[in-house]
């Protein structure tokens, strides 16, 4: 099925590498240069969606096999992937 994209998940079925939604935490000493850290991450394939300046976090997508590369960027403290959230059970 060329061109088909499963929108409810981060997996692509159109021949591209699977992507995951991530939050990139920036070290305290790099918060003042968070845009430079974001640029370095983008150069490695990070699809940057937002910057949370107050907490020093970048959000976006990256190829699943690119997580280790992002973790090695100077100024990156941690890279966390999105976890699936299960619907809450209803009580009767």
PDB file of N, CA and C in Angstrom:
ATOM      1  N   UNK A   1       0.838  -1.186   0.000  1.00  0.00           N
ATOM      2  CA  UNK A   1       0.000   0.000   0.000  1.00  0.00           C
ATOM      3  C   UNK A   1       0.879   1.244   0.000  1.00  0.00           C
ATOM      4  N   UNK A   2       1.411   1.650  -1.115  1.00  0.00           N
ATOM      5  CA  UNK A   2       2.281   2.813  -1.149  1.00  0.00           C
ATOM      6  C   UNK A   2       1.532   4.074  -0.717  1.00  0.00           C
ATOM      7  N   UNK A   3       2.208   4.883   0.044  1.00  0.00           N
ATOM      8  CA  UNK A   3       1.644   6.148   0.483  1.00  0.00           C
ATOM      9  C   UNK A   3       0.730   6.061   1.691  1.00  0.00           C
ATOM     10  N   UNK A   4       0.436   4.877   2.163  1.00  0.00           N
ATOM     11  CA  UNK A   4      -0.441   4.719   3.317  1.00  0.00           C
ATOM     12  C   UNK A   4       0.316   5.062   4.591  1.00  0.00           C
ATOM     13  N   UNK A   5      -0.266   5.912   5.420  1.00  0.00           N
ATOM     14  CA  UNK A   5       0.345   6.284   6.691  1.00  0.00           C
ATOM     15  C   UNK A   5      -0.652   5.995   7.791  1.00  0.00           C
ATOM     16  N   UNK A   6      -0.244   5.218   8.757  1.00  0.00           N
ATOM     17  CA  UNK A   6      -1.070   4.928   9.914  1.00  0.00           C
ATOM     18  C   UNK A   6      -0.948   6.106  10.867  1.00  0.00           C
ATOM     19  N   UNK A   7      -1.957   6.964  10.922  1.00  0.00           N
ATOM     20  CA  UNK A   7      -1.855   8.223  11.648  1.00  0.00           C
ATOM     21  C   UNK A   7      -1.982   8.076  13.163  1.00  0.00           C
ATOM     22  N   UNK A   8      -2.572   7.029  13.642  1.00  0.00           N
ATOM     23  CA  UNK A   8      -2.761   6.900  15.085  1.00  0.00           C
ATOM     24  C   UNK A   8      -1.506   6.404  15.791  1.00  0.00           C
ATOM     25  N   UNK A   9      -0.496   6.040  15.055  1.00  0.00           N
ATOM     26  CA  UNK A   9       0.762   5.592  15.644  1.00  0.00           C
ATOM     27  C   UNK A   9       1.900   6.304  14.934  1.00  0.00           C
ATOM     28  N   UNK A  10       3.101   6.105  15.409  1.00  0.00           N
ATOM     29  CA  UNK A  10       4.243   6.748  14.813  1.00  0.00           C
ATOM     30  C   UNK A  10       4.926   5.868  13.770  1.00  0.00           C
ATOM     31  N   UNK A  11       4.372   4.714  13.473  1.00  0.00           N
ATOM     32  CA  UNK A  11       4.948   3.819  12.477  1.00  0.00           C
ATOM     33  C   UNK A  11       4.457   4.211  11.106  1.00  0.00           C
ATOM     34  N   UNK A  12       5.362   4.252  10.149  1.00  0.00           N
ATOM     35  CA  UNK A  12       5.000   4.580   8.778  1.00  0.00           C
ATOM     36  C   UNK A  12       5.088   3.315   7.941  1.00  0.00           C
ATOM     37  N   UNK A  13       4.123   3.135   7.073  1.00  0.00           N
ATOM     38  CA  UNK A  13       4.089   1.949   6.245  1.00  0.00           C
ATOM     39  C   UNK A  13       4.411   2.311   4.798  1.00  0.00           C
ATOM     40  N   UNK A  14       4.831   3.507   4.542  1.00  0.00           N
ATOM     41  CA  UNK A  14       5.079   3.952   3.172  1.00  0.00           C
ATOM     42  C   UNK A  14       6.556   3.864   2.791  1.00  0.00           C
ATOM     43  N   UNK A  15       7.314   2.967   3.410  1.00  0.00           N
ATOM     44  CA  UNK A  15       8.693   2.757   3.012  1.00  0.00           C
ATOM     45  C   UNK A  15       9.708   3.551   3.810  1.00  0.00           C
ATOM     46  N   UNK A  16       9.286   4.514   4.592  1.00  0.00           N
ATOM     47  CA  UNK A  16      10.225   5.281   5.411  1.00  0.00           C
ATOM     48  C   UNK A  16      10.475   4.580   6.734  1.00  0.00           C
ATOM     49  N   UNK A  17      11.554   4.981   7.400  1.00  0.00           N
ATOM     50  CA  UNK A  17      11.876   4.382   8.694  1.00  0.00           C
ATOM     51  C   UNK A  17      10.808   4.746   9.722  1.00  0.00           C
ATOM     52  N   UNK A  18      10.524   3.833  10.664  1.00  0.00           N
ATOM     53  CA  UNK A  18       9.543   4.141  11.713  1.00  0.00           C
ATOM     54  C   UNK A  18      10.046   5.279  12.596  1.00  0.00           C
ATOM     55  N   UNK A  19       9.126   6.170  12.987  1.00  0.00           N
ATOM     56  CA  UNK A  19       9.479   7.297  13.838  1.00  0.00           C
ATOM     57  C   UNK A  19       8.823   7.137  15.192  1.00  0.00           C
ATOM     58  N   UNK A  20       9.448   7.751  16.186  1.00  0.00           N
ATOM     59  CA  UNK A  20       8.877   7.765  17.528  1.00  0.00           C
ATOM     60  C   UNK A  20       8.823   9.207  18.019  1.00  0.00           C
ATOM     61  N   UNK A  21       7.802   9.486  18.812  1.00  0.00           N
ATOM     62  CA  UNK A  21       7.677  10.811  19.432  1.00  0.00           C
ATOM     63  C   UNK A  21       8.608  10.840  20.639  1.00  0.00           C
ATOM     64  N   UNK A  22       9.390  11.918  20.772  1.00  0.00           N
ATOM     65  CA  UNK A  22      10.358  12.003  21.863  1.00  0.00           C
ATOM     66  C   UNK A  22      10.318  13.359  22.557  1.00  0.00           C
ATOM     67  N   UNK A  23      10.793  13.353  23.791  1.00  0.00           N
ATOM     68  CA  UNK A  23      11.079  14.566  24.547  1.00  0.00           C
ATOM     69  C   UNK A  23      12.577  14.529  24.834  1.00  0.00           C
ATOM     70  N   UNK A  24      13.268  15.594  24.454  1.00  0.00           N
ATOM     71  CA  UNK A  24      14.710  15.693  24.644  1.00  0.00           C
ATOM     72  C   UNK A  24      14.968  16.666  25.781  1.00  0.00           C
ATOM     73  N   UNK A  25      15.483  16.174  26.893  1.00  0.00           N
ATOM     74  CA  UNK A  25      15.799  17.026  28.048  1.00  0.00           C
ATOM     75  C   UNK A  25      17.203  17.583  27.863  1.00  0.00           C
ATOM     76  N   UNK A  26      17.334  18.874  28.099  1.00  0.00           N
ATOM     77  CA  UNK A  26      18.601  19.577  27.936  1.00  0.00           C
ATOM     78  C   UNK A  26      19.251  19.768  29.308  1.00  0.00           C
ATOM     79  N   UNK A  27      20.571  19.647  29.368  1.00  0.00           N
ATOM     80  CA  UNK A  27      21.277  19.826  30.639  1.00  0.00           C
ATOM     81  C   UNK A  27      21.113  21.254  31.140  1.00  0.00           C
ATOM     82  N   UNK A  28      21.242  21.451  32.449  1.00  0.00           N
ATOM     83  CA  UNK A  28      21.091  22.780  33.044  1.00  0.00           C
ATOM     84  C   UNK A  28      22.045  23.797  32.422  1.00  0.00           C
ATOM     85  N   UNK A  29      23.278  23.387  32.161  1.00  0.00           N
ATOM     86  CA  UNK A  29      24.243  24.338  31.606  1.00  0.00           C
ATOM     87  C   UNK A  29      24.004  24.628  30.126  1.00  0.00           C
ATOM     88  N   UNK A  30      23.123  23.869  29.454  1.00  0.00           N
ATOM     89  CA  UNK A  30      22.841  24.101  28.036  1.00  0.00           C
ATOM     90  C   UNK A  30      21.501  24.790  27.798  1.00  0.00           C
ATOM     91  N   UNK A  31      20.738  25.055  28.859  1.00  0.00           N
ATOM     92  CA  UNK A  31      19.423  25.684  28.688  1.00  0.00           C
ATOM     93  C   UNK A  31      19.549  27.048  28.005  1.00  0.00           C
ATOM     94  N   UNK A  32      20.577  27.780  28.300  1.00  0.00           N
ATOM     95  CA  UNK A  32      20.786  29.096  27.678  1.00  0.00           C
ATOM     96  C   UNK A  32      21.084  29.014  26.191  1.00  0.00           C
ATOM     97  N   UNK A  33      21.460  27.850  25.707  1.00  0.00           N
ATOM     98  CA  UNK A  33      21.739  27.656  24.284  1.00  0.00           C
ATOM     99  C   UNK A  33      20.877  26.532  23.717  1.00  0.00           C
ATOM    100  N   UNK A  34      19.631  26.481  24.193  1.00  0.00           N
ATOM    101  CA  UNK A  34      18.732  25.397  23.801  1.00  0.00           C
ATOM    102  C   UNK A  34      18.482  25.386  22.293  1.00  0.00           C
ATOM    103  N   UNK A  35      18.484  26.555  21.657  1.00  0.00           N
ATOM    104  CA  UNK A  35      18.270  26.588  20.210  1.00  0.00           C
ATOM    105  C   UNK A  35      19.433  25.955  19.453  1.00  0.00           C
ATOM    106  N   UNK A  36      20.650  26.105  19.974  1.00  0.00           N
ATOM    107  CA  UNK A  36      21.799  25.464  19.334  1.00  0.00           C
ATOM    108  C   UNK A  36      21.728  23.940  19.508  1.00  0.00           C
ATOM    109  N   UNK A  37      21.281  23.513  20.683  1.00  0.00           N
ATOM    110  CA  UNK A  37      21.106  22.069  20.918  1.00  0.00           C
ATOM    111  C   UNK A  37      20.033  21.543  19.965  1.00  0.00           C
ATOM    112  N   UNK A  38      18.946  22.286  19.799  1.00  0.00           N
ATOM    113  CA  UNK A  38      17.874  21.885  18.882  1.00  0.00           C
ATOM    114  C   UNK A  38      18.402  21.787  17.451  1.00  0.00           C
ATOM    115  N   UNK A  39      19.218  22.738  17.044  1.00  0.00           N
ATOM    116  CA  UNK A  39      19.783  22.716  15.687  1.00  0.00           C
ATOM    117  C   UNK A  39      20.669  21.494  15.484  1.00  0.00           C
ATOM    118  N   UNK A  40      21.455  21.149  16.492  1.00  0.00           N
ATOM    119  CA  UNK A  40      22.314  19.968  16.394  1.00  0.00           C
ATOM    120  C   UNK A  40      21.463  18.704  16.282  1.00  0.00           C
ATOM    121  N   UNK A  41      20.369  18.658  17.023  1.00  0.00           N
ATOM    122  CA  UNK A  41      19.470  17.499  16.959  1.00  0.00           C
ATOM    123  C   UNK A  41      18.785  17.432  15.589  1.00  0.00           C
ATOM    124  N   UNK A  42      18.338  18.577  15.077  1.00  0.00           N
ATOM    125  CA  UNK A  42      17.701  18.597  13.757  1.00  0.00           C
ATOM    126  C   UNK A  42      18.667  18.121  12.674  1.00  0.00           C
ATOM    127  N   UNK A  43      19.926  18.478  12.800  1.00  0.00           N
ATOM    128  CA  UNK A  43      20.930  18.052  11.818  1.00  0.00           C
ATOM    129  C   UNK A  43      21.084  16.534  11.795  1.00  0.00           C
ATOM    130  N   UNK A  44      20.660  15.872  12.870  1.00  0.00           N
ATOM    131  CA  UNK A  44      20.759  14.411  12.963  1.00  0.00           C
ATOM    132  C   UNK A  44      19.430  13.723  12.676  1.00  0.00           C
ATOM    133  N   UNK A  45      18.447  14.474  12.168  1.00  0.00           N
ATOM    134  CA  UNK A  45      17.173  13.878  11.782  1.00  0.00           C
ATOM    135  C   UNK A  45      16.015  14.114  12.728  1.00  0.00           C
ATOM    136  N   UNK A  46      16.225  14.878  13.797  1.00  0.00           N
ATOM    137  CA  UNK A  46      15.156  15.187  14.752  1.00  0.00           C
ATOM    138  C   UNK A  46      14.182  16.153  14.099  1.00  0.00           C
ATOM    139  N   UNK A  47      12.896  15.808  14.096  1.00  0.00           N
ATOM    140  CA  UNK A  47      11.844  16.679  13.583  1.00  0.00           C
ATOM    141  C   UNK A  47      11.297  17.481  14.766  1.00  0.00           C
ATOM    142  N   UNK A  48      11.799  18.679  14.941  1.00  0.00           N
ATOM    143  CA  UNK A  48      11.538  19.527  16.102  1.00  0.00           C
ATOM    144  C   UNK A  48      10.155  20.165  15.994  1.00  0.00           C
ATOM    145  N   UNK A  49       9.306  19.937  17.006  1.00  0.00           N
ATOM    146  CA  UNK A  49       7.959  20.508  17.004  1.00  0.00           C
ATOM    147  C   UNK A  49       7.790  21.646  17.993  1.00  0.00           C
ATOM    148  N   UNK A  50       8.383  21.542  19.173  1.00  0.00           N
ATOM    149  CA  UNK A  50       8.222  22.622  20.145  1.00  0.00           C
ATOM    150  C   UNK A  50       9.387  22.663  21.127  1.00  0.00           C
ATOM    151  N   UNK A  51       9.545  23.837  21.719  1.00  0.00           N
ATOM    152  CA  UNK A  51      10.584  24.059  22.721  1.00  0.00           C
ATOM    153  C   UNK A  51       9.910  24.527  24.007  1.00  0.00           C
ATOM    154  N   UNK A  52      10.140  23.800  25.091  1.00  0.00           N
ATOM    155  CA  UNK A  52       9.606  24.181  26.396  1.00  0.00           C
ATOM    156  C   UNK A  52      10.757  24.838  27.170  1.00  0.00           C
ATOM    157  N   UNK A  53      10.895  26.149  26.977  1.00  0.00           N
ATOM    158  CA  UNK A  53      12.028  26.879  27.547  1.00  0.00           C
ATOM    159  C   UNK A  53      12.104  26.768  29.062  1.00  0.00           C
ATOM    160  N   UNK A  54      10.968  26.855  29.722  1.00  0.00           N
ATOM    161  CA  UNK A  54      10.941  26.852  31.183  1.00  0.00           C
ATOM    162  C   UNK A  54      11.507  25.604  31.822  1.00  0.00           C
ATOM    163  N   UNK A  55      11.382  24.477  31.139  1.00  0.00           N
ATOM    164  CA  UNK A  55      11.874  23.220  31.696  1.00  0.00           C
ATOM    165  C   UNK A  55      13.041  22.642  30.901  1.00  0.00           C
ATOM    166  N   UNK A  56      13.430  23.303  29.816  1.00  0.00           N
ATOM    167  CA  UNK A  56      14.566  22.849  29.020  1.00  0.00           C
ATOM    168  C   UNK A  56      14.316  21.558  28.287  1.00  0.00           C
ATOM    169  N   UNK A  57      13.177  21.499  27.578  1.00  0.00           N
ATOM    170  CA  UNK A  57      12.807  20.278  26.860  1.00  0.00           C
ATOM    171  C   UNK A  57      12.432  20.621  25.419  1.00  0.00           C
ATOM    172  N   UNK A  58      12.873  19.772  24.498  1.00  0.00           N
ATOM    173  CA  UNK A  58      12.494  19.842  23.096  1.00  0.00           C
ATOM    174  C   UNK A  58      11.572  18.667  22.814  1.00  0.00           C
ATOM    175  N   UNK A  59      10.533  18.869  22.008  1.00  0.00           N
ATOM    176  CA  UNK A  59       9.663  17.758  21.647  1.00  0.00           C
ATOM    177  C   UNK A  59       9.634  17.610  20.138  1.00  0.00           C
ATOM    178  N   UNK A  60       9.390  16.378  19.691  1.00  0.00           N
ATOM    179  CA  UNK A  60       9.300  16.126  18.264  1.00  0.00           C
ATOM    180  C   UNK A  60       9.381  14.652  17.964  1.00  0.00           C
ATOM    181  N   UNK A  61       9.843  14.339  16.752  1.00  0.00           N
ATOM    182  CA  UNK A  61       9.945  12.963  16.285  1.00  0.00           C
ATOM    183  C   UNK A  61      11.357  12.683  15.812  1.00  0.00           C
ATOM    184  N   UNK A  62      11.736  11.414  15.879  1.00  0.00           N
ATOM    185  CA  UNK A  62      13.012  10.958  15.336  1.00  0.00           C
ATOM    186  C   UNK A  62      12.824   9.514  14.884  1.00  0.00           C
ATOM    187  N   UNK A  63      13.623   9.103  13.921  1.00  0.00           N
ATOM    188  CA  UNK A  63      13.589   7.703  13.503  1.00  0.00           C
ATOM    189  C   UNK A  63      13.941   6.837  14.700  1.00  0.00           C
ATOM    190  N   UNK A  64      13.286   5.707  14.819  1.00  0.00           N
ATOM    191  CA  UNK A  64      13.504   4.830  15.971  1.00  0.00           C
ATOM    192  C   UNK A  64      14.965   4.434  16.125  1.00  0.00           C
ATOM    193  N   UNK A  65      15.665   4.300  15.009  1.00  0.00           N
ATOM    194  CA  UNK A  65      17.076   3.921  15.104  1.00  0.00           C
ATOM    195  C   UNK A  65      18.000   5.122  15.340  1.00  0.00           C
ATOM    196  N   UNK A  66      17.436   6.316  15.519  1.00  0.00           N
ATOM    197  CA  UNK A  66      18.237   7.514  15.761  1.00  0.00           C
ATOM    198  C   UNK A  66      18.278   7.959  17.214  1.00  0.00           C
ATOM    199  N   UNK A  67      17.665   7.195  18.104  1.00  0.00           N
ATOM    200  CA  UNK A  67      17.618   7.581  19.516  1.00  0.00           C
ATOM    201  C   UNK A  67      19.008   7.672  20.131  1.00  0.00           C
ATOM    202  N   UNK A  68      19.841   6.697  19.876  1.00  0.00           N
ATOM    203  CA  UNK A  68      21.185   6.683  20.470  1.00  0.00           C
ATOM    204  C   UNK A  68      22.012   7.865  19.995  1.00  0.00           C
ATOM    205  N   UNK A  69      21.835   8.258  18.750  1.00  0.00           N
ATOM    206  CA  UNK A  69      22.584   9.396  18.206  1.00  0.00           C
ATOM    207  C   UNK A  69      22.177  10.684  18.916  1.00  0.00           C
ATOM    208  N   UNK A  70      20.880  10.869  19.151  1.00  0.00           N
ATOM    209  CA  UNK A  70      20.414  12.072  19.854  1.00  0.00           C
ATOM    210  C   UNK A  70      20.969  12.143  21.269  1.00  0.00           C
ATOM    211  N   UNK A  71      21.061  11.008  21.922  1.00  0.00           N
ATOM    212  CA  UNK A  71      21.553  10.978  23.306  1.00  0.00           C
ATOM    213  C   UNK A  71      22.998  11.425  23.417  1.00  0.00           C
ATOM    214  N   UNK A  72      23.751  11.362  22.317  1.00  0.00           N
ATOM    215  CA  UNK A  72      25.158  11.755  22.338  1.00  0.00           C
ATOM    216  C   UNK A  72      25.404  13.216  21.980  1.00  0.00           C
ATOM    217  N   UNK A  73      24.341  13.965  21.668  1.00  0.00           N
ATOM    218  CA  UNK A  73      24.493  15.387  21.334  1.00  0.00           C
ATOM    219  C   UNK A  73      24.925  16.154  22.574  1.00  0.00           C
ATOM    220  N   UNK A  74      25.898  17.027  22.401  1.00  0.00           N
ATOM    221  CA  UNK A  74      26.364  17.855  23.518  1.00  0.00           C
ATOM    222  C   UNK A  74      25.218  18.721  24.037  1.00  0.00           C
ATOM    223  N   UNK A  75      24.973  18.656  25.324  1.00  0.00           N
ATOM    224  CA  UNK A  75      23.892  19.427  25.935  1.00  0.00           C
ATOM    225  C   UNK A  75      22.621  18.636  26.155  1.00  0.00           C
ATOM    226  N   UNK A  76      22.555  17.408  25.652  1.00  0.00           N
ATOM    227  CA  UNK A  76      21.374  16.567  25.853  1.00  0.00           C
ATOM    228  C   UNK A  76      21.571  15.737  27.113  1.00  0.00           C
ATOM    229  N   UNK A  77      20.621  15.842  28.009  1.00  0.00           N
ATOM    230  CA  UNK A  77      20.645  15.075  29.255  1.00  0.00           C
ATOM    231  C   UNK A  77      20.002  13.701  29.061  1.00  0.00           C
ATOM    232  N   UNK A  78      18.823  13.684  28.405  1.00  0.00           N
ATOM    233  CA  UNK A  78      18.092  12.436  28.215  1.00  0.00           C
ATOM    234  C   UNK A  78      17.156  12.554  27.025  1.00  0.00           C
ATOM    235  N   UNK A  79      16.826  11.416  26.441  1.00  0.00           N
ATOM    236  CA  UNK A  79      15.838  11.331  25.366  1.00  0.00           C
ATOM    237  C   UNK A  79      14.811  10.294  25.805  1.00  0.00           C
ATOM    238  N   UNK A  80      13.578  10.747  25.977  1.00  0.00           N
ATOM    239  CA  UNK A  80      12.501   9.860  26.429  1.00  0.00           C
ATOM    240  C   UNK A  80      11.502   9.651  25.303  1.00  0.00           C
ATOM    241  N   UNK A  81      11.073   8.414  25.104  1.00  0.00           N
ATOM    242  CA  UNK A  81      10.080   8.131  24.075  1.00  0.00           C
ATOM    243  C   UNK A  81       8.679   8.162  24.675  1.00  0.00           C
ATOM    244  N   UNK A  82       7.721   8.445  23.815  1.00  0.00           N
ATOM    245  CA  UNK A  82       6.326   8.460  24.238  1.00  0.00           C
ATOM    246  C   UNK A  82       5.892   7.048  24.597  1.00  0.00           C
ATOM    247  N   UNK A  83       5.152   6.936  25.654  1.00  0.00           N
ATOM    248  CA  UNK A  83       4.613   5.641  26.068  1.00  0.00           C
ATOM    249  C   UNK A  83       3.142   5.586  25.701  1.00  0.00           C
ATOM    250  N   UNK A  84       2.691   4.425  25.300  1.00  0.00           N
ATOM    251  CA  UNK A  84       1.283   4.259  24.957  1.00  0.00           C
ATOM    252  C   UNK A  84       0.437   4.442  26.211  1.00  0.00           C
ATOM    253  N   UNK A  85      -0.644   5.145  26.067  1.00  0.00           N
ATOM    254  CA  UNK A  85      -1.559   5.361  27.185  1.00  0.00           C
ATOM    255  C   UNK A  85      -2.801   4.524  26.933  1.00  0.00           C
ATOM    256  N   UNK A  86      -3.066   3.635  27.857  1.00  0.00           N
ATOM    257  CA  UNK A  86      -4.237   2.782  27.724  1.00  0.00           C
ATOM    258  C   UNK A  86      -5.467   3.494  28.262  1.00  0.00           C
ATOM    259  N   UNK A  87      -6.626   3.265  27.639  1.00  0.00           N
ATOM    260  CA  UNK A  87      -7.845   3.896  28.143  1.00  0.00           C
ATOM    261  C   UNK A  87      -8.154   3.417  29.563  1.00  0.00           C
ATOM    262  N   UNK A  88      -8.683   4.333  30.341  1.00  0.00           N
ATOM    263  CA  UNK A  88      -9.031   3.984  31.719  1.00  0.00           C
ATOM    264  C   UNK A  88     -10.248   3.064  31.723  1.00  0.00           C
ATOM    265  N   UNK A  89     -10.238   2.102  32.619  1.00  0.00           N
ATOM    266  CA  UNK A  89     -11.368   1.197  32.760  1.00  0.00           C
ATOM    267  C   UNK A  89     -12.514   1.940  33.437  1.00  0.00           C
ATOM    268  N   UNK A  90     -13.690   1.693  32.967  1.00  0.00           N
ATOM    269  CA  UNK A  90     -14.866   2.329  33.588  1.00  0.00           C
ATOM    270  C   UNK A  90     -15.359   1.453  34.724  1.00  0.00           C
ATOM    271  N   UNK A  91     -15.678   2.100  35.819  1.00  0.00           N
ATOM    272  CA  UNK A  91     -16.228   1.379  36.964  1.00  0.00           C
ATOM    273  C   UNK A  91     -17.747   1.341  36.847  1.00  0.00           C
ATOM    274  N   UNK A  92     -18.304   0.227  37.178  1.00  0.00           N
ATOM    275  CA  UNK A  92     -19.761   0.098  37.071  1.00  0.00           C
ATOM    276  C   UNK A  92     -20.438   0.640  38.277  1.00  0.00           C
TER     277      UNK A  92
END
